[in-house]
């Protein structure tokens, strides 16, 4: 058996930050935009972070094997199965799924795109 590591076969790429980004003060970035643009951006970032938080909760549900396997079924089917078997799945997960029942990002598990 060889003592080679997998990292020995692939070149590692290191990223460096440009000095211009580090030296530019944050206050000048915010003052360059008009207030109306800043308010619109704040609304988008807050809604985006809410969506990211929701999807993170659903991802944690997918990764938790306490509620059984999740491949081949929807999140709601998995939640119902776990509830039927008294595994006490989080109610917040069911509420998220039902409130976004038309969005496949919310209804399908992480591995939906992969074949069995």
PDB file of N, CA and C in Angstrom:
ATOM      1  N   UNK A   1       0.843  -1.176   0.000  1.00  0.00           N
ATOM      2  CA  UNK A   1       0.000   0.000   0.000  1.00  0.00           C
ATOM      3  C   UNK A   1       0.889   1.241   0.000  1.00  0.00           C
ATOM      4  N   UNK A   2       0.535   2.181  -0.801  1.00  0.00           N
ATOM      5  CA  UNK A   2       1.321   3.388  -0.950  1.00  0.00           C
ATOM      6  C   UNK A   2       1.011   4.369   0.172  1.00  0.00           C
ATOM      7  N   UNK A   3       2.017   5.170   0.538  1.00  0.00           N
ATOM      8  CA  UNK A   3       1.813   6.155   1.604  1.00  0.00           C
ATOM      9  C   UNK A   3       1.464   7.527   1.043  1.00  0.00           C
ATOM     10  N   UNK A   4       1.081   7.576  -0.244  1.00  0.00           N
ATOM     11  CA  UNK A   4       0.705   8.849  -0.858  1.00  0.00           C
ATOM     12  C   UNK A   4      -0.636   9.321  -0.308  1.00  0.00           C
ATOM     13  N   UNK A   5      -0.729  10.602  -0.125  1.00  0.00           N
ATOM     14  CA  UNK A   5      -1.991  11.207   0.275  1.00  0.00           C
ATOM     15  C   UNK A   5      -2.718  11.700  -0.965  1.00  0.00           C
ATOM     16  N   UNK A   6      -4.020  11.818  -0.871  1.00  0.00           N
ATOM     17  CA  UNK A   6      -4.782  12.307  -2.011  1.00  0.00           C
ATOM     18  C   UNK A   6      -4.377  13.735  -2.353  1.00  0.00           C
ATOM     19  N   UNK A   7      -3.963  14.497  -1.360  1.00  0.00           N
ATOM     20  CA  UNK A   7      -3.553  15.879  -1.610  1.00  0.00           C
ATOM     21  C   UNK A   7      -2.220  15.952  -2.344  1.00  0.00           C
ATOM     22  N   UNK A   8      -1.477  14.862  -2.379  1.00  0.00           N
ATOM     23  CA  UNK A   8      -0.219  14.843  -3.123  1.00  0.00           C
ATOM     24  C   UNK A   8      -0.458  14.844  -4.634  1.00  0.00           C
ATOM     25  N   UNK A   9      -1.640  14.415  -5.059  1.00  0.00           N
ATOM     26  CA  UNK A   9      -1.937  14.282  -6.477  1.00  0.00           C
ATOM     27  C   UNK A   9      -2.659  15.488  -7.063  1.00  0.00           C
ATOM     28  N   UNK A  10      -3.189  16.338  -6.230  1.00  0.00           N
ATOM     29  CA  UNK A  10      -3.929  17.501  -6.691  1.00  0.00           C
ATOM     30  C   UNK A  10      -3.249  18.773  -6.214  1.00  0.00           C
ATOM     31  N   UNK A  11      -3.113  19.689  -7.143  1.00  0.00           N
ATOM     32  CA  UNK A  11      -2.466  20.953  -6.821  1.00  0.00           C
ATOM     33  C   UNK A  11      -3.380  21.794  -5.941  1.00  0.00           C
ATOM     34  N   UNK A  12      -2.837  22.340  -4.873  1.00  0.00           N
ATOM     35  CA  UNK A  12      -3.625  23.178  -3.984  1.00  0.00           C
ATOM     36  C   UNK A  12      -3.538  24.616  -4.452  1.00  0.00           C
ATOM     37  N   UNK A  13      -4.676  25.271  -4.417  1.00  0.00           N
ATOM     38  CA  UNK A  13      -4.739  26.654  -4.865  1.00  0.00           C
ATOM     39  C   UNK A  13      -5.024  27.536  -3.658  1.00  0.00           C
ATOM     40  N   UNK A  14      -4.181  28.506  -3.448  1.00  0.00           N
ATOM     41  CA  UNK A  14      -4.363  29.435  -2.338  1.00  0.00           C
ATOM     42  C   UNK A  14      -4.882  30.755  -2.887  1.00  0.00           C
ATOM     43  N   UNK A  15      -5.845  31.299  -2.207  1.00  0.00           N
ATOM     44  CA  UNK A  15      -6.398  32.580  -2.641  1.00  0.00           C
ATOM     45  C   UNK A  15      -5.857  33.683  -1.758  1.00  0.00           C
ATOM     46  N   UNK A  16      -5.631  34.822  -2.376  1.00  0.00           N
ATOM     47  CA  UNK A  16      -5.176  35.987  -1.633  1.00  0.00           C
ATOM     48  C   UNK A  16      -6.144  37.117  -1.888  1.00  0.00           C
ATOM     49  N   UNK A  17      -6.312  37.940  -0.902  1.00  0.00           N
ATOM     50  CA  UNK A  17      -7.190  39.092  -1.046  1.00  0.00           C
ATOM     51  C   UNK A  17      -6.379  40.273  -1.549  1.00  0.00           C
ATOM     52  N   UNK A  18      -7.024  41.063  -2.354  1.00  0.00           N
ATOM     53  CA  UNK A  18      -6.318  42.242  -2.859  1.00  0.00           C
ATOM     54  C   UNK A  18      -6.233  43.290  -1.759  1.00  0.00           C
ATOM     55  N   UNK A  19      -5.180  44.044  -1.770  1.00  0.00           N
ATOM     56  CA  UNK A  19      -4.970  45.047  -0.729  1.00  0.00           C
ATOM     57  C   UNK A  19      -5.962  46.187  -0.848  1.00  0.00           C
ATOM     58  N   UNK A  20      -6.523  46.412  -2.038  1.00  0.00           N
ATOM     59  CA  UNK A  20      -7.487  47.501  -2.228  1.00  0.00           C
ATOM     60  C   UNK A  20      -8.763  47.236  -1.443  1.00  0.00           C
ATOM     61  N   UNK A  21      -9.198  45.999  -1.381  1.00  0.00           N
ATOM     62  CA  UNK A  21     -10.412  45.678  -0.644  1.00  0.00           C
ATOM     63  C   UNK A  21     -10.192  45.822   0.864  1.00  0.00           C
ATOM     64  N   UNK A  22      -9.025  45.486   1.337  1.00  0.00           N
ATOM     65  CA  UNK A  22      -8.756  45.555   2.771  1.00  0.00           C
ATOM     66  C   UNK A  22      -8.592  46.980   3.270  1.00  0.00           C
ATOM     67  N   UNK A  23      -8.050  47.847   2.450  1.00  0.00           N
ATOM     68  CA  UNK A  23      -7.754  49.199   2.914  1.00  0.00           C
ATOM     69  C   UNK A  23      -8.925  50.162   2.749  1.00  0.00           C
ATOM     70  N   UNK A  24      -9.913  49.826   1.927  1.00  0.00           N
ATOM     71  CA  UNK A  24     -11.035  50.730   1.707  1.00  0.00           C
ATOM     72  C   UNK A  24     -11.954  50.697   2.921  1.00  0.00           C
ATOM     73  N   UNK A  25     -12.211  51.834   3.522  1.00  0.00           N
ATOM     74  CA  UNK A  25     -13.062  51.847   4.707  1.00  0.00           C
ATOM     75  C   UNK A  25     -14.503  51.507   4.350  1.00  0.00           C
ATOM     76  N   UNK A  26     -15.174  50.860   5.270  1.00  0.00           N
ATOM     77  CA  UNK A  26     -16.530  50.418   5.038  1.00  0.00           C
ATOM     78  C   UNK A  26     -17.502  51.596   4.961  1.00  0.00           C
ATOM     79  N   UNK A  27     -17.225  52.664   5.688  1.00  0.00           N
ATOM     80  CA  UNK A  27     -18.138  53.802   5.706  1.00  0.00           C
ATOM     81  C   UNK A  27     -18.243  54.465   4.331  1.00  0.00           C
ATOM     82  N   UNK A  28     -17.179  54.462   3.532  1.00  0.00           N
ATOM     83  CA  UNK A  28     -17.242  55.073   2.204  1.00  0.00           C
ATOM     84  C   UNK A  28     -18.072  54.223   1.261  1.00  0.00           C
ATOM     85  N   UNK A  29     -18.101  52.927   1.464  1.00  0.00           N
ATOM     86  CA  UNK A  29     -18.916  52.066   0.623  1.00  0.00           C
ATOM     87  C   UNK A  29     -20.391  52.360   0.844  1.00  0.00           C
ATOM     88  N   UNK A  30     -20.807  52.582   2.068  1.00  0.00           N
ATOM     89  CA  UNK A  30     -22.209  52.814   2.359  1.00  0.00           C
ATOM     90  C   UNK A  30     -22.650  54.214   1.962  1.00  0.00           C
ATOM     91  N   UNK A  31     -21.794  55.213   2.072  1.00  0.00           N
ATOM     92  CA  UNK A  31     -22.192  56.567   1.733  1.00  0.00           C
ATOM     93  C   UNK A  31     -22.266  56.781   0.229  1.00  0.00           C
ATOM     94  N   UNK A  32     -21.653  55.917  -0.545  1.00  0.00           N
ATOM     95  CA  UNK A  32     -21.676  56.079  -1.990  1.00  0.00           C
ATOM     96  C   UNK A  32     -23.058  55.768  -2.569  1.00  0.00           C
ATOM     97  N   UNK A  33     -23.883  54.972  -1.883  1.00  0.00           N
ATOM     98  CA  UNK A  33     -25.197  54.608  -2.381  1.00  0.00           C
ATOM     99  C   UNK A  33     -26.253  55.558  -1.814  1.00  0.00           C
ATOM    100  N   UNK A  34     -27.257  55.899  -2.594  1.00  0.00           N
ATOM    101  CA  UNK A  34     -28.359  56.690  -2.059  1.00  0.00           C
ATOM    102  C   UNK A  34     -29.134  55.879  -1.026  1.00  0.00           C
ATOM    103  N   UNK A  35     -29.833  56.578  -0.131  1.00  0.00           N
ATOM    104  CA  UNK A  35     -30.548  55.892   0.937  1.00  0.00           C
ATOM    105  C   UNK A  35     -31.634  54.971   0.400  1.00  0.00           C
ATOM    106  N   UNK A  36     -32.297  55.347  -0.666  1.00  0.00           N
ATOM    107  CA  UNK A  36     -33.358  54.501  -1.209  1.00  0.00           C
ATOM    108  C   UNK A  36     -32.795  53.165  -1.698  1.00  0.00           C
ATOM    109  N   UNK A  37     -31.601  53.192  -2.269  1.00  0.00           N
ATOM    110  CA  UNK A  37     -30.963  51.959  -2.723  1.00  0.00           C
ATOM    111  C   UNK A  37     -30.558  51.115  -1.522  1.00  0.00           C
ATOM    112  N   UNK A  38     -30.075  51.774  -0.465  1.00  0.00           N
ATOM    113  CA  UNK A  38     -29.683  51.041   0.739  1.00  0.00           C
ATOM    114  C   UNK A  38     -30.886  50.369   1.377  1.00  0.00           C
ATOM    115  N   UNK A  39     -32.024  51.038   1.435  1.00  0.00           N
ATOM    116  CA  UNK A  39     -33.210  50.446   2.032  1.00  0.00           C
ATOM    117  C   UNK A  39     -33.680  49.245   1.227  1.00  0.00           C
ATOM    118  N   UNK A  40     -33.657  49.349  -0.085  1.00  0.00           N
ATOM    119  CA  UNK A  40     -34.037  48.221  -0.929  1.00  0.00           C
ATOM    120  C   UNK A  40     -33.097  47.051  -0.749  1.00  0.00           C
ATOM    121  N   UNK A  41     -31.812  47.335  -0.621  1.00  0.00           N
ATOM    122  CA  UNK A  41     -30.831  46.276  -0.419  1.00  0.00           C
ATOM    123  C   UNK A  41     -31.019  45.623   0.939  1.00  0.00           C
ATOM    124  N   UNK A  42     -31.364  46.424   1.958  1.00  0.00           N
ATOM    125  CA  UNK A  42     -31.594  45.864   3.287  1.00  0.00           C
ATOM    126  C   UNK A  42     -32.786  44.924   3.286  1.00  0.00           C
ATOM    127  N   UNK A  43     -33.850  45.283   2.563  1.00  0.00           N
ATOM    128  CA  UNK A  43     -35.018  44.417   2.479  1.00  0.00           C
ATOM    129  C   UNK A  43     -34.675  43.122   1.777  1.00  0.00           C
ATOM    130  N   UNK A  44     -33.888  43.194   0.693  1.00  0.00           N
ATOM    131  CA  UNK A  44     -33.499  41.990  -0.027  1.00  0.00           C
ATOM    132  C   UNK A  44     -32.610  41.110   0.834  1.00  0.00           C
ATOM    133  N   UNK A  45     -31.666  41.717   1.542  1.00  0.00           N
ATOM    134  CA  UNK A  45     -30.761  40.912   2.354  1.00  0.00           C
ATOM    135  C   UNK A  45     -31.494  40.270   3.516  1.00  0.00           C
ATOM    136  N   UNK A  46     -32.482  40.975   4.102  1.00  0.00           N
ATOM    137  CA  UNK A  46     -33.216  40.376   5.211  1.00  0.00           C
ATOM    138  C   UNK A  46     -34.096  39.237   4.724  1.00  0.00           C
ATOM    139  N   UNK A  47     -34.730  39.386   3.547  1.00  0.00           N
ATOM    140  CA  UNK A  47     -35.542  38.299   3.023  1.00  0.00           C
ATOM    141  C   UNK A  47     -34.660  37.143   2.564  1.00  0.00           C
ATOM    142  N   UNK A  48     -33.516  37.461   2.031  1.00  0.00           N
ATOM    143  CA  UNK A  48     -32.599  36.404   1.616  1.00  0.00           C
ATOM    144  C   UNK A  48     -32.078  35.643   2.834  1.00  0.00           C
ATOM    145  N   UNK A  49     -31.758  36.363   3.880  1.00  0.00           N
ATOM    146  CA  UNK A  49     -31.260  35.676   5.065  1.00  0.00           C
ATOM    147  C   UNK A  49     -32.364  34.845   5.702  1.00  0.00           C
ATOM    148  N   UNK A  50     -33.624  35.297   5.596  1.00  0.00           N
ATOM    149  CA  UNK A  50     -34.736  34.510   6.120  1.00  0.00           C
ATOM    150  C   UNK A  50     -34.877  33.222   5.316  1.00  0.00           C
ATOM    151  N   UNK A  51     -34.764  33.319   3.999  1.00  0.00           N
ATOM    152  CA  UNK A  51     -34.822  32.136   3.150  1.00  0.00           C
ATOM    153  C   UNK A  51     -33.662  31.200   3.453  1.00  0.00           C
ATOM    154  N   UNK A  52     -32.473  31.766   3.609  1.00  0.00           N
ATOM    155  CA  UNK A  52     -31.308  30.946   3.940  1.00  0.00           C
ATOM    156  C   UNK A  52     -31.493  30.253   5.282  1.00  0.00           C
ATOM    157  N   UNK A  53     -32.056  30.953   6.251  1.00  0.00           N
ATOM    158  CA  UNK A  53     -32.310  30.348   7.564  1.00  0.00           C
ATOM    159  C   UNK A  53     -33.323  29.217   7.449  1.00  0.00           C
ATOM    160  N   UNK A  54     -34.388  29.439   6.665  1.00  0.00           N
ATOM    161  CA  UNK A  54     -35.389  28.391   6.469  1.00  0.00           C
ATOM    162  C   UNK A  54     -34.776  27.156   5.819  1.00  0.00           C
ATOM    163  N   UNK A  55     -33.990  27.383   4.773  1.00  0.00           N
ATOM    164  CA  UNK A  55     -33.369  26.251   4.082  1.00  0.00           C
ATOM    165  C   UNK A  55     -32.336  25.558   4.951  1.00  0.00           C
ATOM    166  N   UNK A  56     -31.698  26.297   5.843  1.00  0.00           N
ATOM    167  CA  UNK A  56     -30.750  25.688   6.767  1.00  0.00           C
ATOM    168  C   UNK A  56     -31.470  24.772   7.755  1.00  0.00           C
ATOM    169  N   UNK A  57     -32.636  25.192   8.229  1.00  0.00           N
ATOM    170  CA  UNK A  57     -33.438  24.352   9.129  1.00  0.00           C
ATOM    171  C   UNK A  57     -33.841  23.070   8.405  1.00  0.00           C
ATOM    172  N   UNK A  58     -34.265  23.202   7.151  1.00  0.00           N
ATOM    173  CA  UNK A  58     -34.658  22.025   6.381  1.00  0.00           C
ATOM    174  C   UNK A  58     -33.465  21.128   6.069  1.00  0.00           C
ATOM    175  N   UNK A  59     -32.314  21.730   5.848  1.00  0.00           N
ATOM    176  CA  UNK A  59     -31.096  20.943   5.606  1.00  0.00           C
ATOM    177  C   UNK A  59     -30.735  20.135   6.847  1.00  0.00           C
ATOM    178  N   UNK A  60     -30.848  20.762   8.017  1.00  0.00           N
ATOM    179  CA  UNK A  60     -30.555  20.048   9.262  1.00  0.00           C
ATOM    180  C   UNK A  60     -31.538  18.891   9.462  1.00  0.00           C
ATOM    181  N   UNK A  61     -32.784  19.098   9.063  1.00  0.00           N
ATOM    182  CA  UNK A  61     -33.774  18.023   9.124  1.00  0.00           C
ATOM    183  C   UNK A  61     -33.374  16.880   8.198  1.00  0.00           C
ATOM    184  N   UNK A  62     -32.905  17.207   6.996  1.00  0.00           N
ATOM    185  CA  UNK A  62     -32.461  16.186   6.046  1.00  0.00           C
ATOM    186  C   UNK A  62     -31.259  15.407   6.575  1.00  0.00           C
ATOM    187  N   UNK A  63     -30.369  16.096   7.237  1.00  0.00           N
ATOM    188  CA  UNK A  63     -29.134  15.457   7.699  1.00  0.00           C
ATOM    189  C   UNK A  63     -29.309  14.680   8.997  1.00  0.00           C
ATOM    190  N   UNK A  64     -30.435  14.846   9.667  1.00  0.00           N
ATOM    191  CA  UNK A  64     -30.675  14.163  10.936  1.00  0.00           C
ATOM    192  C   UNK A  64     -31.308  12.795  10.663  1.00  0.00           C
ATOM    193  N   UNK A  65     -30.527  11.751  10.867  1.00  0.00           N
ATOM    194  CA  UNK A  65     -31.000  10.393  10.580  1.00  0.00           C
ATOM    195  C   UNK A  65     -31.953   9.865  11.647  1.00  0.00           C
ATOM    196  N   UNK A  66     -32.187  10.642  12.676  1.00  0.00           N
ATOM    197  CA  UNK A  66     -33.117  10.248  13.736  1.00  0.00           C
ATOM    198  C   UNK A  66     -34.533  10.044  13.173  1.00  0.00           C
ATOM    199  N   UNK A  67     -34.855  10.744  12.081  1.00  0.00           N
ATOM    200  CA  UNK A  67     -36.194  10.686  11.503  1.00  0.00           C
ATOM    201  C   UNK A  67     -36.284   9.731  10.321  1.00  0.00           C
ATOM    202  N   UNK A  68     -35.279   8.921  10.117  1.00  0.00           N
ATOM    203  CA  UNK A  68     -35.294   7.931   9.056  1.00  0.00           C
ATOM    204  C   UNK A  68     -34.682   8.461   7.770  1.00  0.00           C
ATOM    205  N   UNK A  69     -34.525   7.566   6.772  1.00  0.00           N
ATOM    206  CA  UNK A  69     -33.927   7.974   5.496  1.00  0.00           C
ATOM    207  C   UNK A  69     -34.829   8.940   4.751  1.00  0.00           C
ATOM    208  N   UNK A  70     -34.212   9.794   3.945  1.00  0.00           N
ATOM    209  CA  UNK A  70     -34.994  10.810   3.234  1.00  0.00           C
ATOM    210  C   UNK A  70     -34.871  10.712   1.727  1.00  0.00           C
ATOM    211  N   UNK A  71     -34.157   9.751   1.225  1.00  0.00           N
ATOM    212  CA  UNK A  71     -34.018   9.648  -0.228  1.00  0.00           C
ATOM    213  C   UNK A  71     -35.257   8.976  -0.816  1.00  0.00           C
ATOM    214  N   UNK A  72     -35.703   9.501  -1.939  1.00  0.00           N
ATOM    215  CA  UNK A  72     -36.835   8.901  -2.632  1.00  0.00           C
ATOM    216  C   UNK A  72     -38.195   9.410  -2.185  1.00  0.00           C
ATOM    217  N   UNK A  73     -38.260  10.256  -1.156  1.00  0.00           N
ATOM    218  CA  UNK A  73     -39.532  10.802  -0.696  1.00  0.00           C
ATOM    219  C   UNK A  73     -39.381  12.301  -0.452  1.00  0.00           C
ATOM    220  N   UNK A  74     -40.505  12.984  -0.356  1.00  0.00           N
ATOM    221  CA  UNK A  74     -40.462  14.410  -0.079  1.00  0.00           C
ATOM    222  C   UNK A  74     -40.237  14.636   1.412  1.00  0.00           C
ATOM    223  N   UNK A  75     -39.916  15.870   1.748  1.00  0.00           N
ATOM    224  CA  UNK A  75     -39.711  16.196   3.159  1.00  0.00           C
ATOM    225  C   UNK A  75     -40.991  16.010   3.966  1.00  0.00           C
ATOM    226  N   UNK A  76     -42.127  16.360   3.382  1.00  0.00           N
ATOM    227  CA  UNK A  76     -43.391  16.219   4.098  1.00  0.00           C
ATOM    228  C   UNK A  76     -43.719  14.748   4.335  1.00  0.00           C
ATOM    229  N   UNK A  77     -43.467  13.900   3.345  1.00  0.00           N
ATOM    230  CA  UNK A  77     -43.680  12.458   3.529  1.00  0.00           C
ATOM    231  C   UNK A  77     -42.776  11.930   4.637  1.00  0.00           C
ATOM    232  N   UNK A  78     -41.542  12.394   4.682  1.00  0.00           N
ATOM    233  CA  UNK A  78     -40.613  11.962   5.730  1.00  0.00           C
ATOM    234  C   UNK A  78     -41.076  12.462   7.092  1.00  0.00           C
ATOM    235  N   UNK A  79     -41.537  13.710   7.139  1.00  0.00           N
ATOM    236  CA  UNK A  79     -42.014  14.273   8.398  1.00  0.00           C
ATOM    237  C   UNK A  79     -43.212  13.474   8.899  1.00  0.00           C
ATOM    238  N   UNK A  80     -44.160  13.163   7.999  1.00  0.00           N
ATOM    239  CA  UNK A  80     -45.345  12.384   8.385  1.00  0.00           C
ATOM    240  C   UNK A  80     -44.979  10.989   8.853  1.00  0.00           C
ATOM    241  N   UNK A  81     -44.031  10.362   8.177  1.00  0.00           N
ATOM    242  CA  UNK A  81     -43.591   9.021   8.589  1.00  0.00           C
ATOM    243  C   UNK A  81     -42.951   9.059   9.964  1.00  0.00           C
ATOM    244  N   UNK A  82     -42.111  10.065  10.215  1.00  0.00           N
ATOM    245  CA  UNK A  82     -41.463  10.198  11.520  1.00  0.00           C
ATOM    246  C   UNK A  82     -42.498  10.468  12.604  1.00  0.00           C
ATOM    247  N   UNK A  83     -43.494  11.266  12.306  1.00  0.00           N
ATOM    248  CA  UNK A  83     -44.552  11.556  13.265  1.00  0.00           C
ATOM    249  C   UNK A  83     -45.379  10.304  13.553  1.00  0.00           C
ATOM    250  N   UNK A  84     -45.654   9.528  12.517  1.00  0.00           N
ATOM    251  CA  UNK A  84     -46.424   8.287  12.657  1.00  0.00           C
ATOM    252  C   UNK A  84     -45.708   7.294  13.580  1.00  0.00           C
ATOM    253  N   UNK A  85     -44.388   7.302  13.534  1.00  0.00           N
ATOM    254  CA  UNK A  85     -43.590   6.383  14.352  1.00  0.00           C
ATOM    255  C   UNK A  85     -43.146   7.008  15.671  1.00  0.00           C
ATOM    256  N   UNK A  86     -43.783   8.109  16.053  1.00  0.00           N
ATOM    257  CA  UNK A  86     -43.510   8.803  17.329  1.00  0.00           C
ATOM    258  C   UNK A  86     -42.051   9.203  17.495  1.00  0.00           C
ATOM    259  N   UNK A  87     -41.449   9.718  16.419  1.00  0.00           N
ATOM    260  CA  UNK A  87     -40.063  10.187  16.485  1.00  0.00           C
ATOM    261  C   UNK A  87     -39.984  11.683  16.784  1.00  0.00           C
ATOM    262  N   UNK A  88     -41.129  12.329  16.927  1.00  0.00           N
ATOM    263  CA  UNK A  88     -41.232  13.744  17.285  1.00  0.00           C
ATOM    264  C   UNK A  88     -40.415  14.671  16.385  1.00  0.00           C
ATOM    265  N   UNK A  89     -40.752  14.720  15.097  1.00  0.00           N
ATOM    266  CA  UNK A  89     -40.052  15.666  14.214  1.00  0.00           C
ATOM    267  C   UNK A  89     -40.455  17.093  14.566  1.00  0.00           C
ATOM    268  N   UNK A  90     -39.604  18.072  14.285  1.00  0.00           N
ATOM    269  CA  UNK A  90     -39.910  19.460  14.633  1.00  0.00           C
ATOM    270  C   UNK A  90     -41.139  19.983  13.867  1.00  0.00           C
ATOM    271  N   UNK A  91     -42.044  20.598  14.598  1.00  0.00           N
ATOM    272  CA  UNK A  91     -43.258  21.154  13.991  1.00  0.00           C
ATOM    273  C   UNK A  91     -42.899  22.316  13.063  1.00  0.00           C
ATOM    274  N   UNK A  92     -41.837  23.045  13.394  1.00  0.00           N
ATOM    275  CA  UNK A  92     -41.408  24.173  12.559  1.00  0.00           C
ATOM    276  C   UNK A  92     -41.058  23.708  11.146  1.00  0.00           C
ATOM    277  N   UNK A  93     -40.527  22.508  11.018  1.00  0.00           N
ATOM    278  CA  UNK A  93     -40.175  21.977   9.702  1.00  0.00           C
ATOM    279  C   UNK A  93     -41.437  21.761   8.876  1.00  0.00           C
ATOM    280  N   UNK A  94     -42.467  21.181   9.501  1.00  0.00           N
ATOM    281  CA  UNK A  94     -43.722  20.955   8.781  1.00  0.00           C
ATOM    282  C   UNK A  94     -44.344  22.283   8.368  1.00  0.00           C
ATOM    283  N   UNK A  95     -44.307  23.264   9.237  1.00  0.00           N
ATOM    284  CA  UNK A  95     -44.867  24.577   8.915  1.00  0.00           C
ATOM    285  C   UNK A  95     -44.133  25.227   7.744  1.00  0.00           C
ATOM    286  N   UNK A  96     -42.797  25.092   7.732  1.00  0.00           N
ATOM    287  CA  UNK A  96     -42.011  25.632   6.610  1.00  0.00           C
ATOM    288  C   UNK A  96     -42.384  24.953   5.296  1.00  0.00           C
ATOM    289  N   UNK A  97     -42.502  23.640   5.334  1.00  0.00           N
ATOM    290  CA  UNK A  97     -42.815  22.882   4.117  1.00  0.00           C
ATOM    291  C   UNK A  97     -44.198  23.258   3.605  1.00  0.00           C
ATOM    292  N   UNK A  98     -45.173  23.333   4.508  1.00  0.00           N
ATOM    293  CA  UNK A  98     -46.540  23.644   4.098  1.00  0.00           C
ATOM    294  C   UNK A  98     -46.686  25.092   3.627  1.00  0.00           C
ATOM    295  N   UNK A  99     -45.931  26.000   4.222  1.00  0.00           N
ATOM    296  CA  UNK A  99     -46.046  27.399   3.810  1.00  0.00           C
ATOM    297  C   UNK A  99     -45.393  27.667   2.452  1.00  0.00           C
ATOM    298  N   UNK A 100     -44.512  26.758   2.010  1.00  0.00           N
ATOM    299  CA  UNK A 100     -43.847  26.901   0.704  1.00  0.00           C
ATOM    300  C   UNK A 100     -44.066  25.633  -0.121  1.00  0.00           C
ATOM    301  N   UNK A 101     -45.292  25.130  -0.128  1.00  0.00           N
ATOM    302  CA  UNK A 101     -45.561  23.841  -0.759  1.00  0.00           C
ATOM    303  C   UNK A 101     -45.369  23.841  -2.276  1.00  0.00           C
ATOM    304  N   UNK A 102     -45.335  25.024  -2.897  1.00  0.00           N
ATOM    305  CA  UNK A 102     -45.143  25.085  -4.342  1.00  0.00           C
ATOM    306  C   UNK A 102     -43.689  25.257  -4.755  1.00  0.00           C
ATOM    307  N   UNK A 103     -42.777  25.343  -3.792  1.00  0.00           N
ATOM    308  CA  UNK A 103     -41.354  25.567  -4.065  1.00  0.00           C
ATOM    309  C   UNK A 103     -40.581  24.272  -3.814  1.00  0.00           C
ATOM    310  N   UNK A 104     -39.960  23.741  -4.863  1.00  0.00           N
ATOM    311  CA  UNK A 104     -39.252  22.459  -4.725  1.00  0.00           C
ATOM    312  C   UNK A 104     -38.034  22.555  -3.802  1.00  0.00           C
ATOM    313  N   UNK A 105     -37.495  23.766  -3.615  1.00  0.00           N
ATOM    314  CA  UNK A 105     -36.369  23.905  -2.684  1.00  0.00           C
ATOM    315  C   UNK A 105     -36.814  23.577  -1.257  1.00  0.00           C
ATOM    316  N   UNK A 106     -38.069  23.779  -0.962  1.00  0.00           N
ATOM    317  CA  UNK A 106     -38.603  23.514   0.370  1.00  0.00           C
ATOM    318  C   UNK A 106     -39.191  22.107   0.488  1.00  0.00           C
ATOM    319  N   UNK A 107     -39.732  21.577  -0.581  1.00  0.00           N
ATOM    320  CA  UNK A 107     -40.434  20.299  -0.483  1.00  0.00           C
ATOM    321  C   UNK A 107     -39.537  19.082  -0.685  1.00  0.00           C
ATOM    322  N   UNK A 108     -38.484  19.218  -1.485  1.00  0.00           N
ATOM    323  CA  UNK A 108     -37.624  18.063  -1.768  1.00  0.00           C
ATOM    324  C   UNK A 108     -36.381  18.084  -0.893  1.00  0.00           C
ATOM    325  N   UNK A 109     -35.880  16.908  -0.580  1.00  0.00           N
ATOM    326  CA  UNK A 109     -34.694  16.813   0.274  1.00  0.00           C
ATOM    327  C   UNK A 109     -33.424  17.176  -0.498  1.00  0.00           C
ATOM    328  N   UNK A 110     -32.331  17.225   0.218  1.00  0.00           N
ATOM    329  CA  UNK A 110     -31.049  17.603  -0.374  1.00  0.00           C
ATOM    330  C   UNK A 110     -30.634  16.701  -1.540  1.00  0.00           C
ATOM    331  N   UNK A 111     -30.960  15.441  -1.447  1.00  0.00           N
ATOM    332  CA  UNK A 111     -30.473  14.471  -2.417  1.00  0.00           C
ATOM    333  C   UNK A 111     -31.514  14.154  -3.486  1.00  0.00           C
ATOM    334  N   UNK A 112     -32.466  15.048  -3.694  1.00  0.00           N
ATOM    335  CA  UNK A 112     -33.505  14.830  -4.681  1.00  0.00           C
ATOM    336  C   UNK A 112     -32.947  14.724  -6.093  1.00  0.00           C
ATOM    337  N   UNK A 113     -31.906  15.469  -6.408  1.00  0.00           N
ATOM    338  CA  UNK A 113     -31.350  15.493  -7.758  1.00  0.00           C
ATOM    339  C   UNK A 113     -30.480  14.280  -8.087  1.00  0.00           C
ATOM    340  N   UNK A 114     -30.171  13.469  -7.081  1.00  0.00           N
ATOM    341  CA  UNK A 114     -29.317  12.320  -7.289  1.00  0.00           C
ATOM    342  C   UNK A 114     -30.169  11.060  -7.475  1.00  0.00           C
ATOM    343  N   UNK A 115     -29.764  10.220  -8.388  1.00  0.00           N
ATOM    344  CA  UNK A 115     -30.493   8.978  -8.625  1.00  0.00           C
ATOM    345  C   UNK A 115     -30.182   7.970  -7.527  1.00  0.00           C
ATOM    346  N   UNK A 116     -31.146   7.116  -7.269  1.00  0.00           N
ATOM    347  CA  UNK A 116     -30.954   6.045  -6.265  1.00  0.00           C
ATOM    348  C   UNK A 116     -30.150   4.913  -6.804  1.00  0.00           C
TER     349      UNK A 116
END
